[in-house]
Amino acid sequence: MLNLSPAALIQAIIIVIMSLTVHEFAHSLVTIRLGDDTPRRQGRLTLNPLAHIDLVGFILLVVAGFGWAKPVQINPANLRKPRRDEILIAIAGPLSNLLFAMISVIVIWAVVTTHALASQSSLLSFGSFMVMLAEINVSLAIFNMIPIPPLDGSHLVTPFLGKVNATLAASYFRYGSFALLAIILVQNIARVEILPISKVTYAIVLWMFKLVGIS
């Protein structure tokens, strides 16, 4: 993000804070709905960014392009169907980001079709912010669905991997984060896109715009 202009960087920081907050709030909400009150007791059922943003993870996200928020803690013993519910909790965050992105695209469509902003410069500024909002949320959703610990997507794999080999599942969950870090470092140093997040993000955002009749 550091290659952005100062104005764009500020916009990106605001959007990242909003997006991470929505993501973690969704995890908290679904966890509580499924029977575990841990997030409520820890003050995570809120849209206050201060409850969700991890300072180090946020700084790395801005500087290096990857980072994290405070993970929502759960107690599987409180869940009605732990194996199923952990998967539902995991996908809640990425799905909330996709929904946030779709809402931003719909807002753009509404503003354009109703001519709510008469000034061309205002329309361009508003449009660029909302497009960035959609892109960042889609990329967050895609990144988090990668099935490598500690990302949300890993929770779709480990329950089934545990059935096959519990030791392998434990090692996968313990050391997967190192593999993810290695992939990210190689991408940043060699400038090679191993994980085609930007291409998939572009395709999904483009599909969202076509869905509302904007091409």
N, C-alpha and C. Protein backbone atom coordinates (compact mmCIF):
# COMPACT_ATOMS: atom_id res chain seq x y z
N MET A 1 0.81 -1.22 0.00
CA MET A 1 0.00 0.00 0.00
C MET A 1 0.85 1.28 0.00
N LEU A 2 2.14 1.13 0.35
CA LEU A 2 2.98 2.31 0.48
C LEU A 2 3.25 2.99 -0.85
N ASN A 3 2.95 2.30 -1.98
CA ASN A 3 3.16 2.91 -3.28
C ASN A 3 1.98 3.77 -3.70
N LEU A 4 0.97 3.87 -2.84
CA LEU A 4 -0.19 4.71 -3.12
C LEU A 4 0.12 6.16 -2.82
N SER A 5 -0.66 7.06 -3.41
CA SER A 5 -0.54 8.47 -3.08
C SER A 5 -1.01 8.68 -1.64
N PRO A 6 -0.62 9.77 -0.98
CA PRO A 6 -1.05 10.00 0.41
C PRO A 6 -2.56 9.93 0.59
N ALA A 7 -3.31 10.52 -0.34
CA ALA A 7 -4.77 10.52 -0.23
C ALA A 7 -5.33 9.10 -0.37
N ALA A 8 -4.79 8.35 -1.35
CA ALA A 8 -5.25 6.98 -1.55
C ALA A 8 -4.86 6.09 -0.38
N LEU A 9 -3.68 6.35 0.20
CA LEU A 9 -3.22 5.56 1.35
C LEU A 9 -4.15 5.76 2.54
N ILE A 10 -4.55 6.99 2.77
CA ILE A 10 -5.48 7.27 3.87
C ILE A 10 -6.80 6.56 3.64
N GLN A 11 -7.29 6.61 2.40
CA GLN A 11 -8.53 5.90 2.06
C GLN A 11 -8.39 4.40 2.30
N ALA A 12 -7.25 3.85 1.87
CA ALA A 12 -7.02 2.41 2.03
C ALA A 12 -6.97 2.02 3.50
N ILE A 13 -6.33 2.85 4.33
CA ILE A 13 -6.25 2.56 5.76
C ILE A 13 -7.64 2.56 6.39
N ILE A 14 -8.45 3.54 6.03
CA ILE A 14 -9.83 3.61 6.54
C ILE A 14 -10.62 2.37 6.13
N ILE A 15 -10.47 1.99 4.87
CA ILE A 15 -11.21 0.82 4.35
C ILE A 15 -10.74 -0.46 5.02
N VAL A 16 -9.44 -0.61 5.21
CA VAL A 16 -8.91 -1.82 5.87
C VAL A 16 -9.46 -1.93 7.29
N ILE A 17 -9.48 -0.82 8.02
CA ILE A 17 -10.02 -0.83 9.38
C ILE A 17 -11.48 -1.24 9.37
N MET A 18 -12.26 -0.65 8.46
CA MET A 18 -13.68 -1.00 8.34
C MET A 18 -13.87 -2.48 8.00
N SER A 19 -13.07 -2.95 7.06
CA SER A 19 -13.23 -4.31 6.54
C SER A 19 -12.84 -5.36 7.58
N LEU A 20 -11.74 -5.14 8.29
CA LEU A 20 -11.33 -6.07 9.33
C LEU A 20 -12.34 -6.09 10.47
N THR A 21 -12.90 -4.92 10.77
CA THR A 21 -13.91 -4.84 11.83
C THR A 21 -15.15 -5.65 11.47
N VAL A 22 -15.63 -5.48 10.25
CA VAL A 22 -16.79 -6.24 9.78
C VAL A 22 -16.49 -7.73 9.81
N HIS A 23 -15.30 -8.11 9.38
CA HIS A 23 -14.88 -9.51 9.32
C HIS A 23 -14.92 -10.16 10.71
N GLU A 24 -14.31 -9.51 11.69
CA GLU A 24 -14.24 -10.08 13.04
C GLU A 24 -15.60 -10.01 13.75
N PHE A 25 -16.36 -8.97 13.46
CA PHE A 25 -17.72 -8.88 14.02
C PHE A 25 -18.57 -10.06 13.53
N ALA A 26 -18.42 -10.41 12.27
CA ALA A 26 -19.18 -11.53 11.71
C ALA A 26 -18.81 -12.84 12.40
N HIS A 27 -17.51 -13.05 12.61
CA HIS A 27 -17.07 -14.23 13.36
C HIS A 27 -17.74 -14.27 14.75
N SER A 28 -17.71 -13.12 15.42
CA SER A 28 -18.26 -13.04 16.78
C SER A 28 -19.76 -13.31 16.79
N LEU A 29 -20.47 -12.70 15.86
CA LEU A 29 -21.92 -12.85 15.80
C LEU A 29 -22.33 -14.29 15.57
N VAL A 30 -21.70 -14.94 14.61
CA VAL A 30 -22.05 -16.33 14.29
C VAL A 30 -21.67 -17.25 15.45
N THR A 31 -20.54 -17.00 16.09
CA THR A 31 -20.13 -17.80 17.24
C THR A 31 -21.18 -17.75 18.34
N ILE A 32 -21.66 -16.56 18.63
CA ILE A 32 -22.67 -16.39 19.68
C ILE A 32 -23.98 -17.06 19.29
N ARG A 33 -24.37 -16.90 18.02
CA ARG A 33 -25.62 -17.51 17.55
C ARG A 33 -25.57 -19.04 17.62
N LEU A 34 -24.36 -19.59 17.54
CA LEU A 34 -24.21 -21.05 17.55
C LEU A 34 -23.99 -21.61 18.96
N GLY A 35 -24.08 -20.73 19.96
CA GLY A 35 -24.09 -21.22 21.34
C GLY A 35 -22.92 -20.86 22.21
N ASP A 36 -21.88 -20.25 21.65
CA ASP A 36 -20.70 -19.90 22.45
C ASP A 36 -20.69 -18.40 22.72
N ASP A 37 -20.79 -18.01 23.98
CA ASP A 37 -20.89 -16.60 24.35
C ASP A 37 -19.52 -15.95 24.59
N THR A 38 -18.45 -16.67 24.29
CA THR A 38 -17.10 -16.15 24.55
C THR A 38 -16.84 -14.78 23.92
N PRO A 39 -17.18 -14.58 22.63
CA PRO A 39 -16.91 -13.26 22.03
C PRO A 39 -17.66 -12.12 22.73
N ARG A 40 -18.88 -12.38 23.19
CA ARG A 40 -19.63 -11.32 23.87
C ARG A 40 -18.94 -10.95 25.18
N ARG A 41 -18.51 -11.97 25.93
CA ARG A 41 -17.85 -11.74 27.21
C ARG A 41 -16.51 -11.03 27.04
N GLN A 42 -15.88 -11.22 25.89
CA GLN A 42 -14.60 -10.56 25.62
C GLN A 42 -14.75 -9.23 24.90
N GLY A 43 -16.00 -8.78 24.74
CA GLY A 43 -16.25 -7.48 24.12
C GLY A 43 -16.04 -7.42 22.63
N ARG A 44 -16.17 -8.57 21.94
CA ARG A 44 -15.92 -8.61 20.51
C ARG A 44 -17.19 -8.44 19.66
N LEU A 45 -18.36 -8.48 20.29
CA LEU A 45 -19.60 -8.29 19.52
C LEU A 45 -19.86 -6.79 19.38
N THR A 46 -19.03 -6.13 18.61
CA THR A 46 -19.11 -4.69 18.45
C THR A 46 -18.50 -4.30 17.11
N LEU A 47 -18.93 -3.17 16.60
CA LEU A 47 -18.35 -2.60 15.38
C LEU A 47 -17.32 -1.52 15.71
N ASN A 48 -16.89 -1.50 16.96
CA ASN A 48 -15.82 -0.59 17.37
C ASN A 48 -14.48 -1.19 16.93
N PRO A 49 -13.76 -0.55 16.02
CA PRO A 49 -12.51 -1.12 15.50
C PRO A 49 -11.48 -1.42 16.59
N LEU A 50 -11.50 -0.65 17.68
CA LEU A 50 -10.51 -0.84 18.75
C LEU A 50 -10.60 -2.22 19.38
N ALA A 51 -11.76 -2.85 19.28
CA ALA A 51 -11.94 -4.19 19.86
C ALA A 51 -11.36 -5.27 18.97
N HIS A 52 -11.09 -4.96 17.71
CA HIS A 52 -10.70 -5.99 16.75
C HIS A 52 -9.32 -5.81 16.13
N ILE A 53 -8.81 -4.58 16.08
CA ILE A 53 -7.56 -4.32 15.37
C ILE A 53 -6.35 -4.68 16.23
N ASP A 54 -5.48 -5.51 15.66
CA ASP A 54 -4.19 -5.82 16.28
C ASP A 54 -3.17 -4.85 15.69
N LEU A 55 -2.49 -4.09 16.53
CA LEU A 55 -1.63 -3.01 16.05
C LEU A 55 -0.52 -3.52 15.14
N VAL A 56 0.17 -4.57 15.57
CA VAL A 56 1.27 -5.11 14.76
C VAL A 56 0.75 -5.66 13.44
N GLY A 57 -0.34 -6.44 13.51
CA GLY A 57 -0.92 -7.01 12.29
C GLY A 57 -1.40 -5.95 11.33
N PHE A 58 -1.94 -4.85 11.89
CA PHE A 58 -2.43 -3.77 11.03
C PHE A 58 -1.28 -3.04 10.35
N ILE A 59 -0.22 -2.76 11.10
CA ILE A 59 0.94 -2.07 10.53
C ILE A 59 1.55 -2.91 9.41
N LEU A 60 1.68 -4.21 9.63
CA LEU A 60 2.22 -5.10 8.59
C LEU A 60 1.32 -5.13 7.36
N LEU A 61 0.03 -5.07 7.57
CA LEU A 61 -0.90 -5.08 6.45
C LEU A 61 -0.70 -3.84 5.58
N VAL A 62 -0.48 -2.70 6.22
CA VAL A 62 -0.27 -1.45 5.48
C VAL A 62 1.10 -1.43 4.81
N VAL A 63 2.13 -1.89 5.53
CA VAL A 63 3.50 -1.80 5.05
C VAL A 63 3.85 -2.93 4.07
N ALA A 64 3.46 -4.17 4.44
CA ALA A 64 3.90 -5.33 3.66
C ALA A 64 2.81 -5.96 2.82
N GLY A 65 1.56 -5.54 3.02
CA GLY A 65 0.47 -6.09 2.22
C GLY A 65 -0.16 -7.33 2.81
N PHE A 66 0.30 -7.75 3.99
CA PHE A 66 -0.35 -8.86 4.69
C PHE A 66 -0.31 -8.58 6.19
N GLY A 67 -1.31 -9.07 6.89
CA GLY A 67 -1.38 -8.82 8.33
C GLY A 67 -2.55 -9.56 8.93
N TRP A 68 -3.01 -9.10 10.08
CA TRP A 68 -4.09 -9.81 10.75
C TRP A 68 -4.79 -8.89 11.73
N ALA A 69 -5.99 -9.29 12.15
CA ALA A 69 -6.71 -8.64 13.23
C ALA A 69 -6.66 -9.58 14.43
N LYS A 70 -7.22 -9.15 15.54
CA LYS A 70 -7.27 -10.02 16.72
C LYS A 70 -8.21 -11.19 16.42
N PRO A 71 -7.74 -12.42 16.54
CA PRO A 71 -8.62 -13.56 16.27
C PRO A 71 -9.73 -13.66 17.30
N VAL A 72 -10.90 -14.04 16.85
CA VAL A 72 -12.03 -14.25 17.76
C VAL A 72 -11.85 -15.61 18.42
N GLN A 73 -11.81 -15.62 19.73
CA GLN A 73 -11.65 -16.87 20.47
C GLN A 73 -12.98 -17.58 20.64
N ILE A 74 -12.96 -18.89 20.49
CA ILE A 74 -14.17 -19.68 20.68
C ILE A 74 -13.88 -20.84 21.62
N ASN A 75 -14.93 -21.35 22.23
CA ASN A 75 -14.84 -22.54 23.07
C ASN A 75 -15.68 -23.62 22.41
N PRO A 76 -15.05 -24.56 21.70
CA PRO A 76 -15.81 -25.59 20.97
C PRO A 76 -16.78 -26.37 21.84
N ALA A 77 -16.47 -26.46 23.15
CA ALA A 77 -17.34 -27.22 24.06
C ALA A 77 -18.72 -26.57 24.18
N ASN A 78 -18.81 -25.28 23.88
CA ASN A 78 -20.09 -24.57 23.99
C ASN A 78 -20.92 -24.64 22.71
N LEU A 79 -20.31 -25.11 21.63
CA LEU A 79 -21.01 -25.17 20.34
C LEU A 79 -21.92 -26.39 20.28
N ARG A 80 -23.03 -26.23 19.57
CA ARG A 80 -24.00 -27.33 19.49
C ARG A 80 -23.44 -28.50 18.69
N LYS A 81 -22.85 -28.19 17.54
CA LYS A 81 -22.21 -29.20 16.70
C LYS A 81 -20.82 -28.67 16.35
N PRO A 82 -19.84 -28.92 17.21
CA PRO A 82 -18.52 -28.28 17.09
C PRO A 82 -17.88 -28.35 15.71
N ARG A 83 -17.88 -29.53 15.09
CA ARG A 83 -17.21 -29.66 13.79
C ARG A 83 -17.89 -28.81 12.72
N ARG A 84 -19.21 -28.90 12.67
CA ARG A 84 -19.96 -28.10 11.69
C ARG A 84 -19.87 -26.62 12.02
N ASP A 85 -20.04 -26.28 13.30
CA ASP A 85 -20.12 -24.88 13.71
C ASP A 85 -18.79 -24.15 13.52
N GLU A 86 -17.67 -24.84 13.73
CA GLU A 86 -16.37 -24.20 13.51
C GLU A 86 -16.20 -23.81 12.04
N ILE A 87 -16.74 -24.61 11.14
CA ILE A 87 -16.69 -24.29 9.71
C ILE A 87 -17.56 -23.07 9.42
N LEU A 88 -18.76 -23.05 10.00
CA LEU A 88 -19.67 -21.91 9.79
C LEU A 88 -19.07 -20.62 10.34
N ILE A 89 -18.43 -20.72 11.50
CA ILE A 89 -17.79 -19.54 12.09
C ILE A 89 -16.65 -19.06 11.20
N ALA A 90 -15.89 -19.99 10.66
CA ALA A 90 -14.74 -19.65 9.82
C ALA A 90 -15.15 -18.90 8.56
N ILE A 91 -16.21 -19.40 7.90
CA ILE A 91 -16.59 -18.78 6.62
C ILE A 91 -17.39 -17.49 6.82
N ALA A 92 -17.85 -17.24 8.05
CA ALA A 92 -18.64 -16.03 8.31
C ALA A 92 -17.86 -14.76 8.00
N GLY A 93 -16.57 -14.74 8.35
CA GLY A 93 -15.75 -13.55 8.09
C GLY A 93 -15.60 -13.24 6.61
N PRO A 94 -15.10 -14.19 5.81
CA PRO A 94 -14.98 -13.94 4.37
C PRO A 94 -16.32 -13.61 3.70
N LEU A 95 -17.39 -14.30 4.11
CA LEU A 95 -18.70 -14.01 3.52
C LEU A 95 -19.15 -12.59 3.84
N SER A 96 -18.84 -12.11 5.04
CA SER A 96 -19.21 -10.73 5.40
C SER A 96 -18.46 -9.73 4.53
N ASN A 97 -17.21 -10.02 4.20
CA ASN A 97 -16.44 -9.14 3.32
C ASN A 97 -16.99 -9.13 1.90
N LEU A 98 -17.42 -10.30 1.40
CA LEU A 98 -18.04 -10.36 0.08
C LEU A 98 -19.34 -9.58 0.05
N LEU A 99 -20.12 -9.69 1.14
CA LEU A 99 -21.38 -8.93 1.24
C LEU A 99 -21.10 -7.43 1.28
N PHE A 100 -20.08 -7.04 2.04
CA PHE A 100 -19.68 -5.63 2.13
C PHE A 100 -19.30 -5.11 0.76
N ALA A 101 -18.56 -5.92 0.00
CA ALA A 101 -18.15 -5.53 -1.35
C ALA A 101 -19.36 -5.37 -2.26
N MET A 102 -20.29 -6.31 -2.17
CA MET A 102 -21.48 -6.25 -3.02
C MET A 102 -22.33 -5.03 -2.69
N ILE A 103 -22.42 -4.70 -1.40
CA ILE A 103 -23.17 -3.50 -0.99
C ILE A 103 -22.53 -2.25 -1.57
N SER A 104 -21.20 -2.19 -1.57
CA SER A 104 -20.51 -1.02 -2.11
C SER A 104 -20.77 -0.87 -3.60
N VAL A 105 -20.82 -2.00 -4.32
CA VAL A 105 -21.11 -1.96 -5.76
C VAL A 105 -22.55 -1.49 -5.99
N ILE A 106 -23.47 -1.95 -5.17
CA ILE A 106 -24.88 -1.53 -5.29
C ILE A 106 -25.01 -0.04 -5.02
N VAL A 107 -24.25 0.45 -4.04
CA VAL A 107 -24.28 1.89 -3.72
C VAL A 107 -23.77 2.69 -4.91
N ILE A 108 -22.70 2.23 -5.54
CA ILE A 108 -22.19 2.91 -6.74
C ILE A 108 -23.27 2.95 -7.82
N TRP A 109 -23.91 1.81 -8.04
CA TRP A 109 -24.98 1.73 -9.05
C TRP A 109 -26.10 2.72 -8.72
N ALA A 110 -26.49 2.81 -7.45
CA ALA A 110 -27.58 3.70 -7.04
C ALA A 110 -27.20 5.16 -7.27
N VAL A 111 -25.97 5.52 -6.92
CA VAL A 111 -25.52 6.90 -7.09
C VAL A 111 -25.44 7.27 -8.56
N VAL A 112 -24.92 6.35 -9.37
CA VAL A 112 -24.78 6.62 -10.81
C VAL A 112 -26.13 6.74 -11.49
N THR A 113 -27.05 5.83 -11.17
CA THR A 113 -28.35 5.81 -11.85
C THR A 113 -29.28 6.93 -11.40
N THR A 114 -29.12 7.38 -10.17
CA THR A 114 -29.99 8.46 -9.66
C THR A 114 -29.36 9.83 -9.80
N HIS A 115 -28.11 9.86 -10.29
CA HIS A 115 -27.38 11.14 -10.43
C HIS A 115 -27.35 11.90 -9.11
N ALA A 116 -27.09 11.16 -8.02
CA ALA A 116 -27.08 11.76 -6.69
C ALA A 116 -25.94 12.76 -6.53
N LEU A 117 -24.85 12.56 -7.28
CA LEU A 117 -23.73 13.49 -7.23
C LEU A 117 -23.63 14.20 -8.57
N ALA A 118 -23.96 15.48 -8.57
CA ALA A 118 -23.97 16.24 -9.82
C ALA A 118 -22.57 16.57 -10.29
N SER A 119 -21.66 16.82 -9.36
CA SER A 119 -20.29 17.19 -9.71
C SER A 119 -19.52 15.98 -10.21
N GLN A 120 -18.84 16.13 -11.33
CA GLN A 120 -18.03 15.05 -11.89
C GLN A 120 -16.89 14.66 -10.97
N SER A 121 -16.25 15.67 -10.37
CA SER A 121 -15.14 15.40 -9.46
C SER A 121 -15.60 14.65 -8.22
N SER A 122 -16.77 15.03 -7.70
CA SER A 122 -17.32 14.33 -6.52
C SER A 122 -17.65 12.89 -6.86
N LEU A 123 -18.20 12.68 -8.05
CA LEU A 123 -18.56 11.33 -8.49
C LEU A 123 -17.32 10.46 -8.64
N LEU A 124 -16.24 11.03 -9.20
CA LEU A 124 -15.00 10.28 -9.37
C LEU A 124 -14.37 9.93 -8.03
N SER A 125 -14.37 10.89 -7.09
CA SER A 125 -13.79 10.65 -5.77
C SER A 125 -14.58 9.58 -5.02
N PHE A 126 -15.90 9.72 -5.07
CA PHE A 126 -16.76 8.75 -4.40
C PHE A 126 -16.60 7.37 -5.04
N GLY A 127 -16.58 7.34 -6.37
CA GLY A 127 -16.46 6.08 -7.09
C GLY A 127 -15.16 5.36 -6.79
N SER A 128 -14.05 6.11 -6.75
CA SER A 128 -12.75 5.49 -6.50
C SER A 128 -12.69 4.90 -5.09
N PHE A 129 -13.30 5.59 -4.13
CA PHE A 129 -13.33 5.09 -2.75
C PHE A 129 -14.14 3.80 -2.67
N MET A 130 -15.31 3.79 -3.30
CA MET A 130 -16.18 2.62 -3.22
C MET A 130 -15.62 1.44 -3.99
N VAL A 131 -14.95 1.71 -5.11
CA VAL A 131 -14.32 0.62 -5.86
C VAL A 131 -13.20 0.01 -5.03
N MET A 132 -12.41 0.88 -4.36
CA MET A 132 -11.35 0.37 -3.49
C MET A 132 -11.94 -0.44 -2.34
N LEU A 133 -13.08 0.01 -1.83
CA LEU A 133 -13.77 -0.72 -0.75
C LEU A 133 -14.15 -2.12 -1.22
N ALA A 134 -14.69 -2.21 -2.43
CA ALA A 134 -15.07 -3.51 -2.99
C ALA A 134 -13.85 -4.39 -3.21
N GLU A 135 -12.79 -3.82 -3.78
CA GLU A 135 -11.59 -4.61 -4.08
C GLU A 135 -10.91 -5.14 -2.83
N ILE A 136 -10.78 -4.29 -1.82
CA ILE A 136 -10.11 -4.72 -0.58
C ILE A 136 -10.91 -5.79 0.12
N ASN A 137 -12.23 -5.64 0.14
CA ASN A 137 -13.06 -6.64 0.82
C ASN A 137 -13.04 -7.98 0.08
N VAL A 138 -13.07 -7.94 -1.23
CA VAL A 138 -13.00 -9.20 -2.00
C VAL A 138 -11.64 -9.86 -1.80
N SER A 139 -10.57 -9.08 -1.84
CA SER A 139 -9.24 -9.66 -1.66
C SER A 139 -9.07 -10.24 -0.26
N LEU A 140 -9.64 -9.58 0.75
CA LEU A 140 -9.59 -10.12 2.11
C LEU A 140 -10.33 -11.45 2.20
N ALA A 141 -11.49 -11.51 1.55
CA ALA A 141 -12.27 -12.74 1.55
C ALA A 141 -11.51 -13.87 0.88
N ILE A 142 -10.93 -13.60 -0.28
CA ILE A 142 -10.18 -14.63 -1.01
C ILE A 142 -8.97 -15.09 -0.22
N PHE A 143 -8.21 -14.12 0.29
CA PHE A 143 -7.00 -14.45 1.06
C PHE A 143 -7.34 -15.32 2.27
N ASN A 144 -8.40 -14.96 2.98
CA ASN A 144 -8.75 -15.70 4.18
C ASN A 144 -9.32 -17.08 3.89
N MET A 145 -9.77 -17.32 2.67
CA MET A 145 -10.30 -18.64 2.33
C MET A 145 -9.22 -19.60 1.83
N ILE A 146 -7.98 -19.14 1.76
CA ILE A 146 -6.88 -20.04 1.42
C ILE A 146 -6.77 -21.08 2.53
N PRO A 147 -6.75 -22.37 2.20
CA PRO A 147 -6.78 -23.41 3.24
C PRO A 147 -5.43 -23.66 3.91
N ILE A 148 -4.81 -22.59 4.39
CA ILE A 148 -3.54 -22.69 5.10
C ILE A 148 -3.70 -22.02 6.46
N PRO A 149 -3.36 -22.70 7.55
CA PRO A 149 -3.43 -22.07 8.87
C PRO A 149 -2.55 -20.84 8.92
N PRO A 150 -2.93 -19.79 9.66
CA PRO A 150 -4.12 -19.71 10.51
C PRO A 150 -5.34 -19.09 9.81
N LEU A 151 -5.36 -19.07 8.49
CA LEU A 151 -6.45 -18.43 7.76
C LEU A 151 -7.75 -19.21 7.93
N ASP A 152 -8.86 -18.51 7.70
CA ASP A 152 -10.18 -19.12 7.91
C ASP A 152 -10.38 -20.39 7.08
N GLY A 153 -9.82 -20.40 5.89
CA GLY A 153 -9.99 -21.55 5.01
C GLY A 153 -9.43 -22.84 5.58
N SER A 154 -8.46 -22.73 6.49
CA SER A 154 -7.87 -23.94 7.07
C SER A 154 -8.89 -24.71 7.91
N HIS A 155 -9.88 -24.00 8.44
CA HIS A 155 -10.89 -24.66 9.27
C HIS A 155 -11.84 -25.51 8.43
N LEU A 156 -11.78 -25.34 7.12
CA LEU A 156 -12.58 -26.20 6.24
C LEU A 156 -11.85 -27.51 5.95
N VAL A 157 -10.55 -27.51 6.20
CA VAL A 157 -9.72 -28.68 5.87
C VAL A 157 -9.40 -29.52 7.10
N THR A 158 -8.99 -28.87 8.18
CA THR A 158 -8.49 -29.60 9.35
C THR A 158 -9.49 -30.57 9.97
N PRO A 159 -10.81 -30.28 10.02
CA PRO A 159 -11.73 -31.28 10.60
C PRO A 159 -11.71 -32.60 9.84
N PHE A 160 -11.63 -32.51 8.51
CA PHE A 160 -11.62 -33.72 7.69
C PHE A 160 -10.25 -34.38 7.70
N LEU A 161 -9.20 -33.55 7.76
CA LEU A 161 -7.84 -34.07 7.84
C LEU A 161 -7.64 -34.81 9.16
N GLY A 162 -8.28 -34.29 10.22
CA GLY A 162 -8.19 -34.93 11.52
C GLY A 162 -8.80 -36.31 11.54
N LYS A 163 -9.82 -36.52 10.72
CA LYS A 163 -10.44 -37.84 10.63
C LYS A 163 -9.48 -38.86 10.02
N VAL A 164 -8.69 -38.39 9.06
CA VAL A 164 -7.76 -39.27 8.36
C VAL A 164 -6.51 -39.54 9.20
N ASN A 165 -5.93 -38.46 9.73
CA ASN A 165 -4.70 -38.58 10.50
C ASN A 165 -4.60 -37.41 11.47
N ALA A 166 -4.84 -37.66 12.73
CA ALA A 166 -4.86 -36.60 13.75
C ALA A 166 -3.49 -35.94 13.89
N THR A 167 -2.42 -36.74 13.81
CA THR A 167 -1.07 -36.20 13.94
C THR A 167 -0.74 -35.27 12.78
N LEU A 168 -1.13 -35.68 11.57
CA LEU A 168 -0.90 -34.85 10.39
C LEU A 168 -1.69 -33.55 10.49
N ALA A 169 -2.93 -33.63 10.96
CA ALA A 169 -3.76 -32.44 11.12
C ALA A 169 -3.15 -31.46 12.11
N ALA A 170 -2.62 -32.00 13.22
CA ALA A 170 -2.00 -31.15 14.24
C ALA A 170 -0.75 -30.46 13.69
N SER A 171 0.06 -31.20 12.94
CA SER A 171 1.27 -30.62 12.34
C SER A 171 0.92 -29.58 11.29
N TYR A 172 -0.10 -29.87 10.51
CA TYR A 172 -0.57 -28.94 9.48
C TYR A 172 -1.00 -27.63 10.10
N PHE A 173 -1.75 -27.72 11.20
CA PHE A 173 -2.25 -26.51 11.85
C PHE A 173 -1.12 -25.77 12.57
N ARG A 174 -0.14 -26.52 13.08
CA ARG A 174 0.95 -25.90 13.83
C ARG A 174 1.96 -25.20 12.92
N TYR A 175 2.26 -25.82 11.78
CA TYR A 175 3.34 -25.30 10.94
C TYR A 175 2.85 -24.63 9.65
N GLY A 176 1.54 -24.66 9.42
CA GLY A 176 1.01 -24.07 8.19
C GLY A 176 1.30 -22.59 8.06
N SER A 177 1.33 -21.89 9.20
CA SER A 177 1.57 -20.45 9.18
C SER A 177 2.96 -20.12 8.62
N PHE A 178 3.93 -21.02 8.87
CA PHE A 178 5.28 -20.79 8.34
C PHE A 178 5.29 -20.92 6.81
N ALA A 179 4.51 -21.87 6.31
CA ALA A 179 4.40 -22.04 4.86
C ALA A 179 3.76 -20.81 4.23
N LEU A 180 2.73 -20.30 4.88
CA LEU A 180 2.05 -19.11 4.37
C LEU A 180 3.00 -17.91 4.36
N LEU A 181 3.74 -17.75 5.45
CA LEU A 181 4.70 -16.65 5.52
C LEU A 181 5.76 -16.77 4.43
N ALA A 182 6.22 -18.00 4.18
CA ALA A 182 7.23 -18.22 3.14
C ALA A 182 6.69 -17.84 1.77
N ILE A 183 5.44 -18.22 1.49
CA ILE A 183 4.83 -17.89 0.20
C ILE A 183 4.74 -16.38 0.02
N ILE A 184 4.31 -15.70 1.07
CA ILE A 184 4.15 -14.24 1.00
C ILE A 184 5.50 -13.56 0.80
N LEU A 185 6.53 -14.03 1.52
CA LEU A 185 7.86 -13.45 1.38
C LEU A 185 8.42 -13.65 -0.02
N VAL A 186 8.24 -14.84 -0.57
CA VAL A 186 8.70 -15.12 -1.94
C VAL A 186 8.00 -14.20 -2.93
N GLN A 187 6.69 -14.04 -2.74
CA GLN A 187 5.93 -13.15 -3.64
C GLN A 187 6.47 -11.73 -3.58
N ASN A 188 6.71 -11.22 -2.36
CA ASN A 188 7.15 -9.84 -2.21
C ASN A 188 8.58 -9.62 -2.69
N ILE A 189 9.46 -10.62 -2.47
CA ILE A 189 10.86 -10.47 -2.85
C ILE A 189 11.07 -10.72 -4.34
N ALA A 190 10.48 -11.81 -4.85
CA ALA A 190 10.68 -12.18 -6.25
C ALA A 190 9.68 -11.51 -7.18
N ARG A 191 8.69 -10.82 -6.60
CA ARG A 191 7.65 -10.17 -7.41
C ARG A 191 6.94 -11.17 -8.31
N VAL A 192 6.72 -12.36 -7.77
CA VAL A 192 6.01 -13.42 -8.49
C VAL A 192 4.72 -13.72 -7.74
N GLU A 193 3.61 -13.73 -8.46
CA GLU A 193 2.32 -13.96 -7.81
C GLU A 193 2.04 -15.46 -7.74
N ILE A 194 2.38 -16.05 -6.61
CA ILE A 194 2.11 -17.47 -6.38
C ILE A 194 0.64 -17.67 -6.10
N LEU A 195 0.10 -16.80 -5.27
CA LEU A 195 -1.33 -16.82 -4.96
C LEU A 195 -2.00 -15.76 -5.82
N PRO A 196 -2.79 -16.15 -6.82
CA PRO A 196 -3.35 -15.18 -7.78
C PRO A 196 -4.54 -14.39 -7.21
N ILE A 197 -4.32 -13.77 -6.05
CA ILE A 197 -5.42 -13.08 -5.36
C ILE A 197 -5.89 -11.87 -6.17
N SER A 198 -4.94 -11.12 -6.74
CA SER A 198 -5.33 -9.90 -7.47
C SER A 198 -6.16 -10.24 -8.70
N LYS A 199 -5.79 -11.31 -9.40
CA LYS A 199 -6.53 -11.70 -10.61
C LYS A 199 -7.94 -12.17 -10.26
N VAL A 200 -8.04 -12.98 -9.21
CA VAL A 200 -9.36 -13.46 -8.79
C VAL A 200 -10.21 -12.31 -8.27
N THR A 201 -9.57 -11.39 -7.54
CA THR A 201 -10.29 -10.21 -7.03
C THR A 201 -10.86 -9.40 -8.17
N TYR A 202 -10.04 -9.15 -9.18
CA TYR A 202 -10.49 -8.37 -10.35
C TYR A 202 -11.68 -9.05 -11.02
N ALA A 203 -11.61 -10.36 -11.18
CA ALA A 203 -12.69 -11.11 -11.85
C ALA A 203 -13.98 -11.03 -11.05
N ILE A 204 -13.90 -11.16 -9.73
CA ILE A 204 -15.10 -11.14 -8.89
C ILE A 204 -15.72 -9.75 -8.84
N VAL A 205 -14.88 -8.72 -8.69
CA VAL A 205 -15.40 -7.35 -8.66
C VAL A 205 -16.05 -6.99 -9.99
N LEU A 206 -15.40 -7.40 -11.08
CA LEU A 206 -15.97 -7.16 -12.41
C LEU A 206 -17.32 -7.86 -12.54
N TRP A 207 -17.43 -9.09 -12.05
CA TRP A 207 -18.70 -9.83 -12.07
C TRP A 207 -19.76 -9.12 -11.25
N MET A 208 -19.39 -8.55 -10.11
CA MET A 208 -20.34 -7.82 -9.26
C MET A 208 -20.89 -6.60 -10.00
N PHE A 209 -20.00 -5.89 -10.70
CA PHE A 209 -20.45 -4.71 -11.46
C PHE A 209 -21.38 -5.12 -12.60
N LYS A 210 -21.06 -6.21 -13.26
CA LYS A 210 -21.92 -6.70 -14.35
C LYS A 210 -23.27 -7.15 -13.80
N LEU A 211 -23.26 -7.64 -12.58
CA LEU A 211 -24.48 -8.12 -11.95
C LEU A 211 -25.50 -6.98 -11.77
N VAL A 212 -24.99 -5.78 -11.50
CA VAL A 212 -25.90 -4.63 -11.32
C VAL A 212 -26.05 -3.80 -12.60
N GLY A 213 -25.44 -4.28 -13.67
CA GLY A 213 -25.62 -3.61 -14.96
C GLY A 213 -24.60 -2.55 -15.27
N ILE A 214 -23.45 -2.58 -14.56
CA ILE A 214 -22.37 -1.63 -14.83
C ILE A 214 -21.21 -2.40 -15.44
N SER A 215 -20.78 -2.02 -16.62
CA SER A 215 -19.66 -2.71 -17.27
C SER A 215 -18.60 -1.72 -17.71
